């Protein structure tokens, strides 16, 4: 199977990195939900020699063979309180899932449906 979208989680080698542990759990959940997207996870220090621990977790997002986005730590996704909805929003932003994807019909962090939030934010251009 050829995947149009591939997401790589560069995880921490330290068990004390809460954000990496949170992302590992979310990674498993979202990979089941979106089987047509490839989700990979590797310890950052095994993937890139000398990769700074302070930059983990890092998410690398590829679409159609090109890197579309890098997210270094979860600070822009609500830190250790990052949710599945936050990751879905990123998937939507890079075009990995469409706004009308029925899998999006779940609640976001604030309790609103993600589809409605996407439409409102698209109208407001708040995501730029």
Protein backbone atom coordinates (compact mmCIF):
# COMPACT_ATOMS: atom_id res chain seq x y z
CA UNK A 1 0.00 0.00 0.00
CA UNK A 2 1.30 3.42 -0.96
CA UNK A 3 0.69 6.06 1.71
CA UNK A 4 0.14 9.66 0.58
CA UNK A 5 0.71 10.92 4.13
CA UNK A 6 3.39 9.74 6.54
CA UNK A 7 3.86 11.05 10.07
CA UNK A 8 6.99 10.32 12.08
CA UNK A 9 7.16 10.72 15.85
CA UNK A 10 10.73 11.24 17.05
CA UNK A 11 10.34 10.20 20.66
CA UNK A 12 12.40 10.76 23.75
CA UNK A 13 14.78 8.16 25.12
CA UNK A 14 13.93 9.31 28.65
CA UNK A 15 10.94 7.91 30.52
CA UNK A 16 10.60 11.28 32.26
CA UNK A 17 9.53 13.09 29.06
CA UNK A 18 5.79 13.44 29.63
CA UNK A 19 5.04 14.89 26.19
CA UNK A 20 6.67 11.91 24.45
CA UNK A 21 4.63 9.49 26.55
CA UNK A 22 1.42 11.39 25.77
CA UNK A 23 2.20 11.44 22.06
CA UNK A 24 3.02 7.71 22.05
CA UNK A 25 -0.45 6.93 23.42
CA UNK A 26 -2.15 9.31 20.98
CA UNK A 27 -0.07 7.88 18.12
CA UNK A 28 -1.46 4.40 18.76
CA UNK A 29 -5.02 5.69 18.92
CA UNK A 30 -4.86 7.85 15.81
CA UNK A 31 -3.07 5.16 13.78
CA UNK A 32 -6.00 2.80 14.36
CA UNK A 33 -8.51 5.49 13.40
CA UNK A 34 -6.69 6.57 10.22
CA UNK A 35 -5.34 3.37 8.68
CA UNK A 36 -4.79 5.07 5.31
CA UNK A 37 -2.13 7.32 6.90
CA UNK A 38 1.24 5.86 7.90
CA UNK A 39 2.25 6.61 11.50
CA UNK A 40 5.82 5.77 12.52
CA UNK A 41 7.63 6.18 15.83
CA UNK A 42 11.34 5.95 16.54
CA UNK A 43 13.55 7.18 19.33
CA UNK A 44 15.09 10.42 18.14
CA UNK A 45 18.62 9.48 19.23
CA UNK A 46 18.45 6.26 17.19
CA UNK A 47 17.19 8.07 14.12
CA UNK A 48 19.36 11.20 14.15
CA UNK A 49 22.70 11.07 15.90
CA UNK A 50 22.98 13.86 18.46
CA UNK A 51 19.32 14.91 18.19
CA UNK A 52 18.67 17.16 21.21
CA UNK A 53 16.49 15.56 23.86
CA UNK A 54 14.93 18.97 24.55
CA UNK A 55 13.39 18.86 21.04
CA UNK A 56 11.41 15.70 21.72
CA UNK A 57 8.85 14.78 20.87
CA UNK A 58 9.11 15.97 17.29
CA UNK A 59 6.53 15.25 14.62
CA UNK A 60 7.61 15.20 10.98
CA UNK A 61 4.77 15.28 8.47
CA UNK A 62 5.26 14.14 4.88
CA UNK A 63 2.63 14.42 2.16
CA UNK A 64 3.17 13.07 -1.35
CA UNK A 65 6.87 12.59 -0.60
CA UNK A 66 7.54 16.15 0.58
CA UNK A 67 7.91 17.37 4.14
CA UNK A 68 4.94 19.60 4.90
CA UNK A 69 5.40 20.41 8.56
CA UNK A 70 7.60 19.91 11.61
CA UNK A 71 6.29 20.23 15.13
CA UNK A 72 9.04 20.40 17.75
CA UNK A 73 7.66 19.49 21.19
CA UNK A 74 3.93 19.63 21.83
CA UNK A 75 3.92 23.26 22.99
CA UNK A 76 1.87 24.46 20.00
CA UNK A 77 -0.59 21.56 20.44
CA UNK A 78 -1.41 22.19 24.12
CA UNK A 79 1.65 20.49 25.64
CA UNK A 80 0.97 17.43 27.80
CA UNK A 81 -2.77 18.10 27.38
CA UNK A 82 -2.57 17.50 23.63
CA UNK A 83 -5.62 15.60 22.42
CA UNK A 84 -6.61 13.42 19.52
CA UNK A 85 -8.59 16.40 18.23
CA UNK A 86 -5.42 18.52 18.16
CA UNK A 87 -3.65 15.91 16.04
CA UNK A 88 -6.66 15.63 13.74
CA UNK A 89 -6.56 19.36 13.21
CA UNK A 90 -2.92 19.07 12.10
CA UNK A 91 -3.87 16.25 9.72
CA UNK A 92 -6.57 18.46 8.27
CA UNK A 93 -4.19 21.43 7.92
CA UNK A 94 -1.71 19.42 5.82
CA UNK A 95 -4.43 17.86 3.69
CA UNK A 96 -4.08 14.34 5.04
CA UNK A 97 -7.80 14.27 5.86
CA UNK A 98 -10.66 16.21 4.33
CA UNK A 99 -13.05 18.47 6.22
CA UNK A 100 -15.95 16.18 5.31
CA UNK A 101 -14.17 13.03 6.55
CA UNK A 102 -16.72 11.22 8.73
CA UNK A 103 -13.96 10.09 11.09
CA UNK A 104 -13.67 13.71 12.23
CA UNK A 105 -17.08 13.62 13.87
CA UNK A 106 -15.80 13.62 17.40
CA UNK A 107 -15.43 16.20 20.10
CA UNK A 108 -12.44 18.52 20.24
CA UNK A 109 -10.80 19.76 23.46
CA UNK A 110 -13.48 22.38 24.12
CA UNK A 111 -16.38 19.97 23.50
CA UNK A 112 -17.35 21.32 20.08
CA UNK A 113 -17.41 19.07 17.07
CA UNK A 114 -14.15 19.33 15.17
CA UNK A 115 -15.92 19.71 11.81
CA UNK A 116 -17.68 22.84 13.05
CA UNK A 117 -14.45 24.20 14.53
CA UNK A 118 -12.62 23.66 11.24
CA UNK A 119 -15.32 25.54 9.33
CA UNK A 120 -15.34 28.44 11.81
CA UNK A 121 -11.55 28.69 11.87
CA UNK A 122 -11.40 28.48 8.08
CA UNK A 123 -13.78 31.44 7.88
CA UNK A 124 -11.76 33.42 10.45
CA UNK A 125 -8.32 32.47 9.04
CA UNK A 126 -7.12 31.93 12.61
CA UNK A 127 -4.83 29.03 11.70
CA UNK A 128 -2.25 31.08 9.78
